[in-house]
Amino acid sequence: MQRVAQDWLVLQLTHGSGTALGIATGLQFLPMLASPWGGAVADRYPKRRILMLTQTAMGLLALILGVLAITGSVRIWQVYALALGLGLATVVDNPTRQAFVTEMVGQADMPNAIALNSAIFNLARIAGPAAAGLVIGAVGTPAAFFVNAASYGAVLTSLRLMRPGELHPVEPVPRQRGQLREGFAYVRARPQLLMPMVLIFFVATFGMNFQVTNALMSRQVFHTGATAFGVASAVFAAGALAGALLAARRRRPGLRLLVTAAFTFGLLEVLTALMPSFWLFLAMLVPTGLILLTLNTAANSTVQLGSAPDMRGRVMGLYMLVFLGGAPLGSPMVGWVAEQFGPRMSLLAGGVISAAASAVIGLLLARRRGVGARDYLRPAALARMVA
């Protein structure tokens, strides 16, 4: 909700500047470049305590922006500063939260718990913008910030009410030199971790910018308001919900599923960019959201399940780096392309890059395993993925 309300506020303050929108998004995700450090923090200290601190900070930042917006005193530099602050809290919160889910369940339930957590995490990234768009259209931009700030109370209450004796904590790793280098070396030596991270970097950086592109498509291409923007986000979330439910049913995912989902997502994004009417645009957002959620969940689960418990925080820090850390590059670029060549071109370029990256990774994996590349991209693989 914070992301979409922030984006809409930037558009209001700058009279629709795609470049300013990209800068705000980039500043929020700039601290993600330090995600490996956040992962190291997650390995060193009790994760529940870290989450209580980071969630408190994020709630306060949302409250401050809501007060500035409702009083009419907000300026664009303040939005930029608060977006950066949110990114600083998130850089520790994300890998800690991802790794903490494995401490909430036993070893036998870990694969399903990771899949559920990944599905919820990615669904929230899509459902939140949908809720924010509807709230903005009905009540106004400041209300979205206040609702988001209040929601952190539920998170903190949940963390507080957990019974520590029923958790399955991993022994904290003592602080010592070289832990970040150890995390990089660990991932580099394991193709089952490295390949998904490379693939998700290209898809997340260039293809997964729907918070930016949906706003620009709604406002500049189809000339609609915040309510229609909220509808577009809600439709996208509906497809993502279907993907989340499918992901929760699936057993341990494989690299073939990742490549097939990424390639399909790229094709669907290209088709979405070419839709001539707002209603056809909405229709294409449903399968696009479904496949995107499938891809994100499979990537997250593959990386977590392939990591040792004492390395999981640092591995997830690296994963969050490639998943969100490309936004400082991708979001301003998407905003600039949309401003110079139109929002359709920004969507089109993201889809082409995502499909091309998945094809290259598929070829590399096929070569390593000595099978045909078509085995990674064939329609039958997609049918099994959705079945």
Protein backbone atom coordinates (compact mmCIF):
# COMPACT_ATOMS: atom_id res chain seq x y z
CA MET A 1 0.00 0.00 0.00
CA GLN A 2 2.85 2.35 0.84
CA ARG A 3 4.44 1.82 -2.57
CA VAL A 4 1.34 2.61 -4.61
CA ALA A 5 0.22 5.55 -2.47
CA GLN A 6 3.75 6.92 -2.63
CA ASP A 7 3.82 6.52 -6.43
CA TRP A 8 0.46 8.25 -6.84
CA LEU A 9 1.56 11.07 -4.55
CA VAL A 10 4.71 11.57 -6.63
CA LEU A 11 2.62 11.77 -9.81
CA GLN A 12 0.38 14.38 -8.16
CA LEU A 13 3.30 16.47 -6.91
CA THR A 14 5.22 16.36 -10.22
CA HIS A 15 2.26 16.54 -12.62
CA GLY A 16 2.74 13.03 -13.96
CA SER A 17 6.53 12.80 -14.27
CA GLY A 18 7.61 9.23 -15.04
CA THR A 19 11.22 10.13 -14.24
CA ALA A 20 10.31 11.40 -10.75
CA LEU A 21 8.28 8.24 -10.19
CA GLY A 22 11.24 6.11 -11.16
CA ILE A 23 13.55 8.10 -8.85
CA ALA A 24 11.25 7.61 -5.85
CA THR A 25 11.01 3.88 -6.49
CA GLY A 26 14.75 3.64 -7.08
CA LEU A 27 15.53 5.42 -3.80
CA GLN A 28 13.28 3.05 -1.89
CA PHE A 29 15.12 0.06 -3.30
CA LEU A 30 18.64 1.55 -3.35
CA PRO A 31 19.42 0.15 0.14
CA MET A 32 18.65 -3.31 -1.24
CA LEU A 33 22.21 -3.26 -2.56
CA ALA A 34 23.18 -3.88 1.08
CA SER A 35 20.89 -6.94 1.36
CA PRO A 36 23.83 -9.33 1.93
CA TRP A 37 24.66 -7.31 5.05
CA GLY A 38 21.02 -7.55 6.15
CA GLY A 39 21.21 -11.31 5.67
CA ALA A 40 24.33 -11.46 7.84
CA VAL A 41 22.45 -9.58 10.59
CA ALA A 42 19.65 -12.15 10.33
CA ASP A 43 22.15 -14.98 10.90
CA ARG A 44 23.77 -13.27 13.90
CA TYR A 45 20.80 -12.21 16.09
CA PRO A 46 17.38 -13.56 17.19
CA LYS A 47 15.12 -13.04 14.19
CA ARG A 48 11.91 -12.36 16.13
CA ARG A 49 13.56 -9.46 17.97
CA ILE A 50 14.94 -8.01 14.72
CA LEU A 51 11.50 -8.12 13.11
CA MET A 52 9.88 -6.24 15.98
CA LEU A 53 12.41 -3.41 15.53
CA THR A 54 12.16 -3.21 11.74
CA GLN A 55 8.37 -3.40 11.68
CA THR A 56 8.11 -0.58 14.23
CA ALA A 57 10.37 1.63 12.12
CA MET A 58 8.40 0.94 8.94
CA GLY A 59 5.09 1.75 10.63
CA LEU A 60 6.43 5.08 11.89
CA LEU A 61 7.67 6.05 8.42
CA ALA A 62 4.22 5.38 6.95
CA LEU A 63 2.60 7.47 9.68
CA ILE A 64 4.93 10.43 9.04
CA LEU A 65 4.20 10.46 5.31
CA GLY A 66 0.47 10.24 6.02
CA VAL A 67 0.63 13.28 8.33
CA LEU A 68 2.63 15.27 5.76
CA ALA A 69 0.18 14.37 2.99
CA ILE A 70 -3.02 15.13 4.90
CA THR A 71 -1.71 18.51 6.13
CA GLY A 72 -0.73 19.52 2.60
CA SER A 73 2.84 20.29 3.62
CA VAL A 74 4.44 17.38 1.77
CA ARG A 75 7.20 18.14 -0.74
CA ILE A 76 8.80 15.83 -3.27
CA TRP A 77 12.16 15.79 -1.43
CA GLN A 78 10.37 14.57 1.70
CA VAL A 79 8.82 11.70 -0.25
CA TYR A 80 12.27 10.82 -1.57
CA ALA A 81 13.79 10.89 1.95
CA LEU A 82 11.05 8.74 3.50
CA ALA A 83 11.25 6.27 0.61
CA LEU A 84 14.96 5.90 1.30
CA GLY A 85 14.26 5.40 5.01
CA LEU A 86 11.77 2.67 4.24
CA GLY A 87 14.37 0.96 2.11
CA LEU A 88 16.91 1.06 4.96
CA ALA A 89 14.48 -0.73 7.29
CA THR A 90 13.50 -3.22 4.60
CA VAL A 91 17.09 -4.23 3.87
CA VAL A 92 17.22 -5.97 7.27
CA ASP A 93 13.55 -6.92 7.51
CA ASN A 94 13.25 -8.90 4.26
CA PRO A 95 15.97 -11.56 4.67
CA THR A 96 15.15 -11.87 8.37
CA ARG A 97 11.46 -12.45 7.68
CA GLN A 98 12.20 -14.95 4.91
CA ALA A 99 14.57 -16.95 7.11
CA PHE A 100 12.32 -16.72 10.19
CA VAL A 101 9.55 -18.76 8.57
CA THR A 102 11.71 -21.89 8.77
CA GLU A 103 11.98 -21.36 12.55
CA MET A 104 8.19 -21.39 12.91
CA VAL A 105 7.76 -25.02 11.77
CA GLY A 106 9.53 -28.35 12.07
CA GLN A 107 11.80 -29.91 9.48
CA ALA A 108 9.01 -32.07 7.99
CA ASP A 109 6.79 -29.07 7.20
CA MET A 110 9.56 -26.80 5.96
CA PRO A 111 9.02 -27.17 2.16
CA ASN A 112 5.31 -26.37 2.38
CA ALA A 113 5.88 -23.56 4.88
CA ILE A 114 8.44 -21.94 2.57
CA ALA A 115 6.04 -22.23 -0.36
CA LEU A 116 3.20 -20.70 1.65
CA ASN A 117 5.41 -17.89 2.93
CA SER A 118 6.72 -17.14 -0.53
CA ALA A 119 3.19 -17.14 -1.94
CA ILE A 120 1.97 -14.78 0.79
CA PHE A 121 5.01 -12.53 0.41
CA ASN A 122 4.58 -12.17 -3.33
CA LEU A 123 0.79 -11.96 -3.16
CA ALA A 124 1.11 -9.10 -0.66
CA ARG A 125 3.35 -7.23 -3.12
CA ILE A 126 0.44 -7.35 -5.58
CA ALA A 127 -2.64 -7.24 -3.33
CA GLY A 128 -1.25 -4.25 -1.40
CA PRO A 129 -1.16 -2.00 -4.48
CA ALA A 130 -4.69 -3.16 -5.34
CA ALA A 131 -5.97 -2.17 -1.90
CA ALA A 132 -4.08 1.12 -2.01
CA GLY A 133 -5.51 2.06 -5.40
CA LEU A 134 -9.06 1.44 -4.20
CA VAL A 135 -8.50 3.38 -0.97
CA ILE A 136 -6.94 6.31 -2.85
CA GLY A 137 -9.87 6.44 -5.27
CA ALA A 138 -12.46 6.28 -2.47
CA VAL A 139 -10.90 8.34 0.34
CA GLY A 140 -7.65 9.91 -0.87
CA THR A 141 -3.91 9.32 -0.81
CA PRO A 142 -3.27 10.14 2.90
CA ALA A 143 -5.74 7.45 3.99
CA ALA A 144 -3.64 4.75 2.34
CA PHE A 145 -0.62 5.80 4.41
CA PHE A 146 -2.64 5.74 7.64
CA VAL A 147 -4.14 2.30 6.91
CA ASN A 148 -0.67 0.98 6.18
CA ALA A 149 0.72 2.48 9.40
CA ALA A 150 -2.11 0.92 11.44
CA SER A 151 -1.51 -2.50 9.86
CA TYR A 152 1.89 -2.74 11.54
CA GLY A 153 0.08 -2.96 14.88
CA ALA A 154 -1.27 -6.36 13.83
CA VAL A 155 2.19 -7.52 12.81
CA LEU A 156 3.79 -6.45 16.08
CA THR A 157 0.98 -8.03 18.10
CA SER A 158 1.41 -11.32 16.25
CA LEU A 159 5.15 -11.34 16.89
CA ARG A 160 4.61 -10.50 20.55
CA LEU A 161 2.06 -13.29 21.08
CA MET A 162 4.30 -16.03 19.63
CA ARG A 163 5.43 -18.61 22.19
CA PRO A 164 9.25 -18.81 21.90
CA GLY A 165 9.31 -22.31 23.36
CA GLU A 166 7.38 -23.64 20.34
CA LEU A 167 9.72 -22.13 17.76
CA HIS A 168 12.62 -23.97 16.13
CA PRO A 169 15.41 -21.38 16.31
CA VAL A 170 18.65 -21.79 14.43
CA GLU A 171 21.75 -21.24 16.55
CA PRO A 172 23.00 -17.68 15.84
CA VAL A 173 26.26 -17.50 13.92
CA PRO A 174 28.99 -15.71 15.93
CA ARG A 175 30.15 -12.49 14.34
CA GLN A 176 33.45 -12.82 12.56
CA ARG A 177 35.29 -11.43 9.56
CA GLY A 178 34.59 -12.76 6.08
CA GLN A 179 30.97 -13.80 6.62
CA LEU A 180 29.71 -11.83 3.62
CA ARG A 181 32.42 -13.31 1.39
CA GLU A 182 31.46 -16.74 2.70
CA GLY A 183 27.88 -16.16 1.60
CA PHE A 184 28.92 -15.10 -1.91
CA ALA A 185 31.25 -18.12 -2.23
CA TYR A 186 28.52 -20.46 -0.99
CA VAL A 187 26.09 -19.34 -3.70
CA ARG A 188 28.69 -19.18 -6.46
CA ALA A 189 29.69 -22.80 -5.86
CA ARG A 190 26.09 -24.06 -6.16
CA PRO A 191 24.41 -23.75 -9.59
CA GLN A 192 21.04 -24.68 -8.07
CA LEU A 193 21.24 -21.37 -6.17
CA LEU A 194 23.15 -19.23 -8.66
CA MET A 195 20.98 -19.90 -11.73
CA PRO A 196 17.66 -18.94 -10.08
CA MET A 197 19.23 -15.76 -8.73
CA VAL A 198 20.56 -14.71 -12.15
CA LEU A 199 17.19 -15.40 -13.75
CA ILE A 200 15.18 -13.58 -11.08
CA PHE A 201 17.52 -10.57 -11.33
CA PHE A 202 16.65 -9.91 -14.98
CA VAL A 203 12.93 -10.61 -14.55
CA ALA A 204 12.59 -8.55 -11.36
CA THR A 205 14.70 -5.63 -12.59
CA PHE A 206 13.15 -5.18 -16.03
CA GLY A 207 9.89 -7.13 -16.07
CA MET A 208 8.34 -6.77 -12.61
CA ASN A 209 7.70 -3.03 -12.54
CA PHE A 210 3.91 -3.18 -12.60
CA GLN A 211 3.56 -0.65 -9.77
CA VAL A 212 5.11 1.87 -12.16
CA THR A 213 3.72 0.65 -15.48
CA ASN A 214 0.14 0.07 -14.27
CA ALA A 215 -0.01 3.61 -12.92
CA LEU A 216 1.36 5.08 -16.16
CA MET A 217 -0.80 2.87 -18.40
CA SER A 218 -3.93 3.80 -16.45
CA ARG A 219 -3.17 7.51 -16.37
CA GLN A 220 -1.47 8.22 -19.70
CA VAL A 221 -2.60 5.51 -22.14
CA PHE A 222 -6.19 4.83 -21.10
CA HIS A 223 -6.73 8.23 -19.37
CA THR A 224 -8.34 6.83 -16.23
CA GLY A 225 -8.13 7.92 -12.60
CA ALA A 226 -6.99 6.38 -9.33
CA THR A 227 -10.08 4.16 -9.07
CA ALA A 228 -9.38 2.48 -12.41
CA PHE A 229 -5.76 2.15 -11.35
CA GLY A 230 -6.98 0.34 -8.24
CA VAL A 231 -9.15 -1.94 -10.38
CA ALA A 232 -6.15 -2.79 -12.57
CA SER A 233 -4.09 -3.63 -9.49
CA ALA A 234 -6.96 -5.69 -8.05
CA VAL A 235 -7.31 -7.69 -11.27
CA PHE A 236 -3.57 -8.32 -11.27
CA ALA A 237 -3.87 -9.46 -7.64
CA ALA A 238 -6.69 -11.86 -8.54
CA GLY A 239 -4.40 -13.64 -10.98
CA ALA A 240 -1.65 -13.62 -8.37
CA LEU A 241 -4.02 -15.19 -5.82
CA ALA A 242 -4.65 -18.08 -8.20
CA GLY A 243 -0.90 -18.47 -8.61
CA ALA A 244 -0.43 -18.44 -4.83
CA LEU A 245 -3.00 -21.19 -4.33
CA LEU A 246 -1.34 -23.31 -7.00
CA ALA A 247 2.07 -22.72 -5.46
CA ALA A 248 0.87 -23.79 -2.01
CA ARG A 249 -0.26 -27.16 -3.46
CA ARG A 250 2.98 -27.82 -5.30
CA ARG A 251 5.78 -29.93 -3.91
CA ARG A 252 9.42 -28.89 -4.10
CA PRO A 253 9.84 -26.87 -7.34
CA GLY A 254 12.57 -27.45 -9.90
CA LEU A 255 14.69 -25.32 -12.20
CA ARG A 256 12.60 -26.36 -15.21
CA LEU A 257 9.52 -24.80 -13.61
CA LEU A 258 11.46 -21.57 -13.05
CA VAL A 259 12.60 -21.29 -16.66
CA THR A 260 9.18 -22.15 -18.09
CA ALA A 261 7.40 -19.69 -15.81
CA ALA A 262 9.86 -16.88 -16.60
CA PHE A 263 9.59 -17.41 -20.35
CA THR A 264 5.78 -17.52 -20.20
CA PHE A 265 5.70 -14.39 -18.06
CA GLY A 266 7.80 -12.51 -20.62
CA LEU A 267 5.42 -13.47 -23.44
CA LEU A 268 2.36 -12.47 -21.42
CA GLU A 269 3.90 -9.10 -20.55
CA VAL A 270 4.50 -8.42 -24.24
CA LEU A 271 0.88 -9.26 -25.03
CA THR A 272 -0.33 -7.06 -22.16
CA ALA A 273 1.61 -4.12 -23.59
CA LEU A 274 -0.13 -4.55 -26.96
CA MET A 275 -3.72 -4.58 -25.70
CA PRO A 276 -5.73 -1.85 -27.49
CA SER A 277 -8.35 -1.21 -24.78
CA PHE A 278 -8.43 -0.88 -21.01
CA TRP A 279 -10.69 -3.93 -20.62
CA LEU A 280 -8.40 -6.16 -22.69
CA PHE A 281 -5.49 -4.80 -20.69
CA LEU A 282 -7.28 -5.87 -17.51
CA ALA A 283 -7.99 -9.31 -18.95
CA MET A 284 -4.30 -9.90 -19.69
CA LEU A 285 -3.28 -8.91 -16.18
CA VAL A 286 -4.96 -12.03 -14.75
CA PRO A 287 -2.76 -14.71 -16.37
CA THR A 288 0.25 -12.42 -16.08
CA GLY A 289 -0.24 -12.16 -12.31
CA LEU A 290 -0.77 -15.92 -12.03
CA ILE A 291 2.46 -16.79 -13.81
CA LEU A 292 4.42 -14.07 -12.02
CA LEU A 293 3.39 -15.42 -8.61
CA THR A 294 4.24 -18.95 -9.73
CA LEU A 295 7.69 -17.77 -10.81
CA ASN A 296 8.41 -15.81 -7.64
CA THR A 297 7.28 -18.59 -5.33
CA ALA A 298 9.25 -21.25 -7.18
CA ALA A 299 12.41 -19.12 -7.11
CA ASN A 300 12.10 -18.33 -3.41
CA SER A 301 11.39 -21.94 -2.45
CA THR A 302 14.22 -23.30 -4.59
CA VAL A 303 16.76 -20.96 -2.99
CA GLN A 304 15.63 -21.51 0.61
CA LEU A 305 15.38 -25.29 0.35
CA GLY A 306 18.80 -25.44 -1.26
CA SER A 307 20.49 -23.55 1.59
CA ALA A 308 21.99 -24.83 4.85
CA PRO A 309 20.25 -23.48 8.01
CA ASP A 310 23.30 -21.54 9.21
CA MET A 311 23.69 -19.91 5.78
CA ARG A 312 20.02 -19.22 5.04
CA GLY A 313 20.03 -15.61 6.24
CA ARG A 314 22.98 -14.67 4.05
CA VAL A 315 21.64 -16.63 1.07
CA MET A 316 18.27 -14.89 1.39
CA GLY A 317 20.08 -11.57 1.71
CA LEU A 318 21.68 -12.25 -1.67
CA TYR A 319 18.34 -13.39 -3.05
CA MET A 320 16.65 -10.18 -1.89
CA LEU A 321 19.56 -8.27 -3.45
CA VAL A 322 18.83 -9.69 -6.90
CA PHE A 323 15.05 -9.69 -6.36
CA LEU A 324 14.69 -6.09 -5.19
CA GLY A 325 18.15 -4.55 -5.56
CA GLY A 326 17.79 -4.09 -9.31
CA ALA A 327 14.97 -1.60 -8.78
CA PRO A 328 17.35 1.41 -8.49
CA LEU A 329 18.40 0.53 -12.04
CA GLY A 330 15.17 -0.85 -13.45
CA SER A 331 12.56 1.55 -12.05
CA PRO A 332 14.15 4.82 -13.24
CA MET A 333 14.86 3.17 -16.60
CA VAL A 334 11.25 2.02 -16.92
CA GLY A 335 10.04 5.50 -15.98
CA TRP A 336 12.39 7.13 -18.49
CA VAL A 337 11.39 4.75 -21.30
CA ALA A 338 7.71 5.38 -20.53
CA GLU A 339 8.28 9.13 -20.60
CA GLN A 340 10.27 9.10 -23.84
CA PHE A 341 8.53 6.35 -25.82
CA GLY A 342 5.29 5.69 -23.97
CA PRO A 343 4.21 3.27 -21.21
CA ARG A 344 3.50 0.53 -23.74
CA MET A 345 7.15 0.43 -24.75
CA SER A 346 8.30 0.06 -21.13
CA LEU A 347 6.03 -2.98 -20.69
CA LEU A 348 7.10 -4.40 -24.03
CA ALA A 349 10.81 -4.05 -23.25
CA GLY A 350 10.37 -5.70 -19.85
CA GLY A 351 8.65 -8.69 -21.41
CA VAL A 352 11.28 -9.13 -24.12
CA ILE A 353 14.15 -8.97 -21.62
CA SER A 354 12.44 -11.46 -19.27
CA ALA A 355 11.79 -13.96 -22.07
CA ALA A 356 15.32 -13.60 -23.43
CA ALA A 357 16.90 -14.11 -19.98
CA SER A 358 14.85 -17.25 -19.39
CA ALA A 359 15.83 -18.63 -22.80
CA VAL A 360 19.53 -18.10 -22.07
CA ILE A 361 19.29 -19.70 -18.61
CA GLY A 362 17.34 -22.58 -20.12
CA LEU A 363 20.08 -23.17 -22.67
CA LEU A 364 22.77 -23.12 -19.98
CA LEU A 365 20.87 -25.56 -17.80
CA ALA A 366 20.15 -27.83 -20.76
CA ARG A 367 23.83 -27.88 -21.65
CA ARG A 368 24.81 -28.77 -18.09
CA ARG A 369 22.30 -31.61 -17.94
CA GLY A 370 22.80 -32.82 -21.50
CA VAL A 371 19.14 -32.43 -22.55
CA GLY A 372 17.43 -30.45 -25.27
CA ALA A 373 16.65 -26.79 -24.60
CA ARG A 374 13.06 -27.32 -25.67
CA ASP A 375 12.56 -29.50 -22.57
CA TYR A 376 12.77 -26.31 -20.50
CA LEU A 377 10.44 -24.22 -22.62
CA ARG A 378 7.97 -26.70 -24.09
CA PRO A 379 4.22 -26.11 -23.60
CA ALA A 380 3.85 -29.46 -21.78
CA ALA A 381 6.01 -28.10 -18.95
CA LEU A 382 3.66 -25.13 -18.58
CA ALA A 383 0.65 -27.43 -18.55
CA ARG A 384 2.16 -29.48 -15.70
CA MET A 385 3.04 -26.27 -13.88
CA VAL A 386 -0.58 -25.04 -13.84
CA ALA A 387 -2.16 -28.50 -13.37
